[in-house]
Amino acid sequence: MSNTLELANQAFMFLQEAEATETVITAADRKAEAAAADAGLAYAIATLGPGLGIGYLVGQAVQAMARQPEAAGRVQTTMFIGVAFVEALAIIGFVVFILLKFV
């Protein structure tokens, strides 16, 4: 029985110490949290556009190759060039994310 009371007393003392050492959230902490949230939202939006663009581009290329198989090589080359340009937009979005996060 005394062991149980001892453990309960230790837990109570630990909780009192934890309450006494609560951290204070400053304006700088709130600003950092807001910057992180804004940066995450910016990156999410920045990757949404290229994701849709690449999906549309590849879908149209597959459709073109299905309609005209003899032109598949040219369509595929053009598709990869387009994918590279659209992917550059996602990289630019990532750079903006990094700038918002750390600056």
N, C-alpha and C. Protein backbone atom coordinates (compact mmCIF):
# COMPACT_ATOMS: atom_id res chain seq x y z
N MET A 1 0.82 -1.19 0.00
CA MET A 1 0.00 0.00 0.00
C MET A 1 0.86 1.24 0.00
N SER A 2 1.97 1.20 0.76
CA SER A 2 2.82 2.39 0.84
C SER A 2 3.51 2.65 -0.51
N ASN A 3 3.78 1.60 -1.27
CA ASN A 3 4.37 1.79 -2.59
C ASN A 3 3.40 2.53 -3.51
N THR A 4 2.14 2.20 -3.45
CA THR A 4 1.14 2.86 -4.28
C THR A 4 1.03 4.33 -3.91
N LEU A 5 1.00 4.62 -2.60
CA LEU A 5 0.94 6.01 -2.16
C LEU A 5 2.20 6.78 -2.56
N GLU A 6 3.31 6.11 -2.48
CA GLU A 6 4.57 6.74 -2.86
C GLU A 6 4.58 7.08 -4.34
N LEU A 7 4.12 6.15 -5.20
CA LEU A 7 4.06 6.40 -6.64
C LEU A 7 3.07 7.52 -6.96
N ALA A 8 1.94 7.53 -6.28
CA ALA A 8 0.96 8.59 -6.50
C ALA A 8 1.53 9.94 -6.09
N ASN A 9 2.25 9.97 -4.99
CA ASN A 9 2.86 11.21 -4.54
C ASN A 9 3.91 11.70 -5.54
N GLN A 10 4.72 10.79 -6.06
CA GLN A 10 5.73 11.16 -7.04
C GLN A 10 5.08 11.69 -8.33
N ALA A 11 4.00 11.05 -8.76
CA ALA A 11 3.30 11.51 -9.96
C ALA A 11 2.71 12.89 -9.74
N PHE A 12 2.15 13.12 -8.56
CA PHE A 12 1.58 14.43 -8.23
C PHE A 12 2.67 15.51 -8.23
N MET A 13 3.83 15.20 -7.67
CA MET A 13 4.94 16.16 -7.64
C MET A 13 5.44 16.44 -9.06
N PHE A 14 5.48 15.39 -9.89
CA PHE A 14 5.93 15.57 -11.27
C PHE A 14 4.98 16.49 -12.03
N LEU A 15 3.67 16.30 -11.83
CA LEU A 15 2.68 17.15 -12.50
C LEU A 15 2.78 18.59 -12.03
N GLN A 16 3.03 18.81 -10.75
CA GLN A 16 3.19 20.17 -10.24
C GLN A 16 4.41 20.84 -10.86
N GLU A 17 5.50 20.10 -11.01
CA GLU A 17 6.71 20.66 -11.63
C GLU A 17 6.46 20.98 -13.10
N ALA A 18 5.71 20.12 -13.78
CA ALA A 18 5.43 20.34 -15.20
C ALA A 18 4.58 21.58 -15.39
N GLU A 19 3.62 21.80 -14.50
CA GLU A 19 2.78 22.99 -14.59
C GLU A 19 3.58 24.25 -14.30
N ALA A 20 4.53 24.16 -13.41
CA ALA A 20 5.33 25.32 -13.03
C ALA A 20 6.29 25.72 -14.14
N THR A 21 6.70 24.78 -14.98
CA THR A 21 7.66 25.08 -16.03
C THR A 21 7.01 25.19 -17.40
N GLU A 22 5.79 25.69 -17.48
CA GLU A 22 5.13 25.88 -18.76
C GLU A 22 5.87 26.94 -19.56
N THR A 23 5.92 26.73 -20.87
CA THR A 23 6.60 27.69 -21.72
C THR A 23 5.64 28.80 -22.12
N VAL A 24 6.19 29.98 -22.28
CA VAL A 24 5.41 31.13 -22.70
C VAL A 24 5.60 31.31 -24.20
N ILE A 25 4.49 31.41 -24.91
CA ILE A 25 4.55 31.59 -26.36
C ILE A 25 4.68 33.08 -26.64
N THR A 26 5.77 33.44 -27.29
CA THR A 26 6.02 34.85 -27.59
C THR A 26 5.50 35.20 -28.97
N ALA A 27 5.56 36.48 -29.29
CA ALA A 27 5.11 36.94 -30.60
C ALA A 27 6.01 36.37 -31.70
N ALA A 28 7.29 36.22 -31.40
CA ALA A 28 8.21 35.66 -32.40
C ALA A 28 7.86 34.20 -32.69
N ASP A 29 7.45 33.45 -31.66
CA ASP A 29 7.04 32.06 -31.87
C ASP A 29 5.79 31.99 -32.74
N ARG A 30 4.84 32.88 -32.48
CA ARG A 30 3.61 32.90 -33.27
C ARG A 30 3.90 33.29 -34.71
N LYS A 31 4.83 34.23 -34.90
CA LYS A 31 5.21 34.64 -36.25
C LYS A 31 5.87 33.48 -36.99
N ALA A 32 6.71 32.73 -36.30
CA ALA A 32 7.38 31.58 -36.92
C ALA A 32 6.36 30.50 -37.29
N GLU A 33 5.38 30.27 -36.43
CA GLU A 33 4.33 29.30 -36.72
C GLU A 33 3.51 29.73 -37.93
N ALA A 34 3.17 31.01 -37.99
CA ALA A 34 2.40 31.52 -39.12
C ALA A 34 3.20 31.42 -40.41
N ALA A 35 4.50 31.71 -40.34
CA ALA A 35 5.35 31.61 -41.53
C ALA A 35 5.43 30.18 -42.02
N ALA A 36 5.54 29.24 -41.09
CA ALA A 36 5.61 27.83 -41.48
C ALA A 36 4.30 27.37 -42.12
N ALA A 37 3.19 27.80 -41.56
CA ALA A 37 1.89 27.43 -42.13
C ALA A 37 1.70 28.06 -43.51
N ASP A 38 2.09 29.31 -43.66
CA ASP A 38 1.97 29.98 -44.96
C ASP A 38 2.89 29.34 -45.99
N ALA A 39 4.08 28.97 -45.56
CA ALA A 39 5.01 28.33 -46.48
C ALA A 39 4.48 26.98 -46.95
N GLY A 40 3.91 26.22 -46.03
CA GLY A 40 3.34 24.93 -46.41
C GLY A 40 2.17 25.08 -47.37
N LEU A 41 1.32 26.07 -47.12
CA LEU A 41 0.19 26.32 -48.01
C LEU A 41 0.68 26.77 -49.38
N ALA A 42 1.69 27.62 -49.41
CA ALA A 42 2.23 28.08 -50.69
C ALA A 42 2.80 26.91 -51.49
N TYR A 43 3.51 26.02 -50.82
CA TYR A 43 4.09 24.87 -51.53
C TYR A 43 2.99 23.92 -52.01
N ALA A 44 1.95 23.75 -51.22
CA ALA A 44 0.86 22.88 -51.64
C ALA A 44 0.18 23.43 -52.88
N ILE A 45 -0.06 24.72 -52.90
CA ILE A 45 -0.69 25.34 -54.07
C ILE A 45 0.26 25.30 -55.26
N ALA A 46 1.55 25.51 -55.00
CA ALA A 46 2.54 25.52 -56.09
C ALA A 46 2.70 24.15 -56.72
N THR A 47 2.48 23.09 -56.00
CA THR A 47 2.60 21.75 -56.59
C THR A 47 1.29 21.27 -57.20
N LEU A 48 0.20 21.90 -56.83
CA LEU A 48 -1.09 21.50 -57.38
C LEU A 48 -1.17 21.79 -58.88
N GLY A 49 -0.74 22.98 -59.28
CA GLY A 49 -0.79 23.36 -60.69
C GLY A 49 0.06 22.46 -61.57
N PRO A 50 1.35 22.28 -61.25
CA PRO A 50 2.16 21.39 -62.09
C PRO A 50 1.65 19.94 -62.08
N GLY A 51 1.10 19.49 -60.97
CA GLY A 51 0.55 18.13 -60.94
C GLY A 51 -0.59 17.97 -61.93
N LEU A 52 -1.49 18.94 -61.94
CA LEU A 52 -2.59 18.90 -62.90
C LEU A 52 -2.07 19.05 -64.33
N GLY A 53 -1.09 19.93 -64.50
CA GLY A 53 -0.54 20.15 -65.84
C GLY A 53 0.12 18.92 -66.40
N ILE A 54 0.90 18.24 -65.60
CA ILE A 54 1.58 17.02 -66.06
C ILE A 54 0.56 15.92 -66.36
N GLY A 55 -0.44 15.81 -65.52
CA GLY A 55 -1.49 14.81 -65.78
C GLY A 55 -2.20 15.06 -67.09
N TYR A 56 -2.55 16.32 -67.34
CA TYR A 56 -3.23 16.66 -68.59
C TYR A 56 -2.31 16.43 -69.79
N LEU A 57 -1.05 16.84 -69.65
CA LEU A 57 -0.09 16.71 -70.74
C LEU A 57 0.14 15.25 -71.12
N VAL A 58 0.35 14.40 -70.14
CA VAL A 58 0.59 12.98 -70.42
C VAL A 58 -0.67 12.33 -70.99
N GLY A 59 -1.83 12.69 -70.46
CA GLY A 59 -3.08 12.14 -70.98
C GLY A 59 -3.30 12.48 -72.45
N GLN A 60 -3.04 13.73 -72.80
CA GLN A 60 -3.19 14.14 -74.20
C GLN A 60 -2.15 13.48 -75.09
N ALA A 61 -0.94 13.29 -74.57
CA ALA A 61 0.10 12.63 -75.36
C ALA A 61 -0.27 11.17 -75.63
N VAL A 62 -0.78 10.49 -74.63
CA VAL A 62 -1.20 9.08 -74.81
C VAL A 62 -2.34 9.02 -75.82
N GLN A 63 -3.24 9.97 -75.74
CA GLN A 63 -4.35 9.99 -76.70
C GLN A 63 -3.84 10.24 -78.12
N ALA A 64 -2.87 11.14 -78.26
CA ALA A 64 -2.30 11.41 -79.58
C ALA A 64 -1.57 10.18 -80.12
N MET A 65 -0.84 9.48 -79.25
CA MET A 65 -0.12 8.28 -79.69
C MET A 65 -1.10 7.16 -80.07
N ALA A 66 -2.22 7.09 -79.40
CA ALA A 66 -3.20 6.07 -79.73
C ALA A 66 -3.88 6.36 -81.07
N ARG A 67 -4.07 7.62 -81.37
CA ARG A 67 -4.72 7.98 -82.63
C ARG A 67 -3.77 7.88 -83.82
N GLN A 68 -2.49 8.19 -83.57
CA GLN A 68 -1.52 8.19 -84.68
C GLN A 68 -0.23 7.52 -84.20
N PRO A 69 -0.18 6.20 -84.20
CA PRO A 69 0.98 5.49 -83.65
C PRO A 69 2.30 5.79 -84.37
N GLU A 70 2.24 6.15 -85.64
CA GLU A 70 3.48 6.43 -86.37
C GLU A 70 4.15 7.71 -85.90
N ALA A 71 3.44 8.58 -85.22
CA ALA A 71 4.01 9.84 -84.71
C ALA A 71 4.35 9.74 -83.23
N ALA A 72 4.36 8.53 -82.69
CA ALA A 72 4.57 8.36 -81.24
C ALA A 72 5.92 8.89 -80.78
N GLY A 73 6.95 8.73 -81.58
CA GLY A 73 8.28 9.19 -81.19
C GLY A 73 8.33 10.70 -81.02
N ARG A 74 7.78 11.43 -81.97
CA ARG A 74 7.77 12.90 -81.89
C ARG A 74 6.88 13.37 -80.75
N VAL A 75 5.74 12.73 -80.58
CA VAL A 75 4.82 13.13 -79.50
C VAL A 75 5.48 12.88 -78.14
N GLN A 76 6.16 11.74 -78.02
CA GLN A 76 6.80 11.41 -76.74
C GLN A 76 7.92 12.40 -76.42
N THR A 77 8.71 12.78 -77.43
CA THR A 77 9.78 13.76 -77.21
C THR A 77 9.21 15.10 -76.77
N THR A 78 8.19 15.54 -77.47
CA THR A 78 7.54 16.81 -77.11
C THR A 78 6.92 16.73 -75.72
N MET A 79 6.36 15.57 -75.39
CA MET A 79 5.77 15.41 -74.07
C MET A 79 6.82 15.55 -72.97
N PHE A 80 7.98 14.93 -73.15
CA PHE A 80 9.02 15.01 -72.13
C PHE A 80 9.55 16.44 -71.97
N ILE A 81 9.65 17.17 -73.06
CA ILE A 81 10.07 18.57 -72.97
C ILE A 81 9.02 19.37 -72.20
N GLY A 82 7.76 19.13 -72.49
CA GLY A 82 6.69 19.82 -71.77
C GLY A 82 6.67 19.47 -70.29
N VAL A 83 6.90 18.20 -69.97
CA VAL A 83 6.95 17.77 -68.58
C VAL A 83 8.08 18.48 -67.84
N ALA A 84 9.23 18.64 -68.51
CA ALA A 84 10.35 19.33 -67.89
C ALA A 84 10.00 20.78 -67.57
N PHE A 85 9.33 21.45 -68.51
CA PHE A 85 8.94 22.85 -68.28
C PHE A 85 7.91 22.97 -67.15
N VAL A 86 6.96 22.06 -67.13
CA VAL A 86 5.94 22.11 -66.08
C VAL A 86 6.55 21.78 -64.73
N GLU A 87 7.49 20.85 -64.71
CA GLU A 87 8.15 20.48 -63.46
C GLU A 87 8.99 21.63 -62.92
N ALA A 88 9.49 22.48 -63.81
CA ALA A 88 10.24 23.66 -63.38
C ALA A 88 9.35 24.56 -62.52
N LEU A 89 8.06 24.59 -62.80
CA LEU A 89 7.14 25.38 -61.98
C LEU A 89 7.07 24.85 -60.55
N ALA A 90 7.10 23.53 -60.41
CA ALA A 90 7.09 22.94 -59.07
C ALA A 90 8.38 23.27 -58.33
N ILE A 91 9.49 23.30 -59.04
CA ILE A 91 10.77 23.63 -58.40
C ILE A 91 10.76 25.10 -57.96
N ILE A 92 10.20 25.97 -58.79
CA ILE A 92 10.07 27.38 -58.40
C ILE A 92 9.19 27.50 -57.16
N GLY A 93 8.12 26.72 -57.11
CA GLY A 93 7.27 26.72 -55.92
C GLY A 93 8.02 26.27 -54.68
N PHE A 94 8.90 25.29 -54.85
CA PHE A 94 9.70 24.82 -53.72
C PHE A 94 10.66 25.90 -53.24
N VAL A 95 11.24 26.65 -54.18
CA VAL A 95 12.13 27.75 -53.81
C VAL A 95 11.36 28.82 -53.03
N VAL A 96 10.16 29.13 -53.47
CA VAL A 96 9.34 30.10 -52.74
C VAL A 96 9.02 29.58 -51.34
N PHE A 97 8.74 28.29 -51.23
CA PHE A 97 8.49 27.66 -49.93
C PHE A 97 9.69 27.84 -49.01
N ILE A 98 10.88 27.59 -49.51
CA ILE A 98 12.09 27.73 -48.71
C ILE A 98 12.29 29.19 -48.30
N LEU A 99 12.05 30.11 -49.23
CA LEU A 99 12.20 31.53 -48.90
C LEU A 99 11.22 31.97 -47.83
N LEU A 100 9.98 31.52 -47.92
CA LEU A 100 8.99 31.90 -46.91
C LEU A 100 9.30 31.26 -45.56
N LYS A 101 9.85 30.07 -45.60
CA LYS A 101 10.11 29.35 -44.35
C LYS A 101 11.29 29.91 -43.58
N PHE A 102 12.36 30.26 -44.28
CA PHE A 102 13.59 30.61 -43.59
C PHE A 102 13.96 32.09 -43.67
N VAL A 103 13.22 32.89 -44.35
CA VAL A 103 13.58 34.31 -44.43
C VAL A 103 12.55 35.15 -43.71
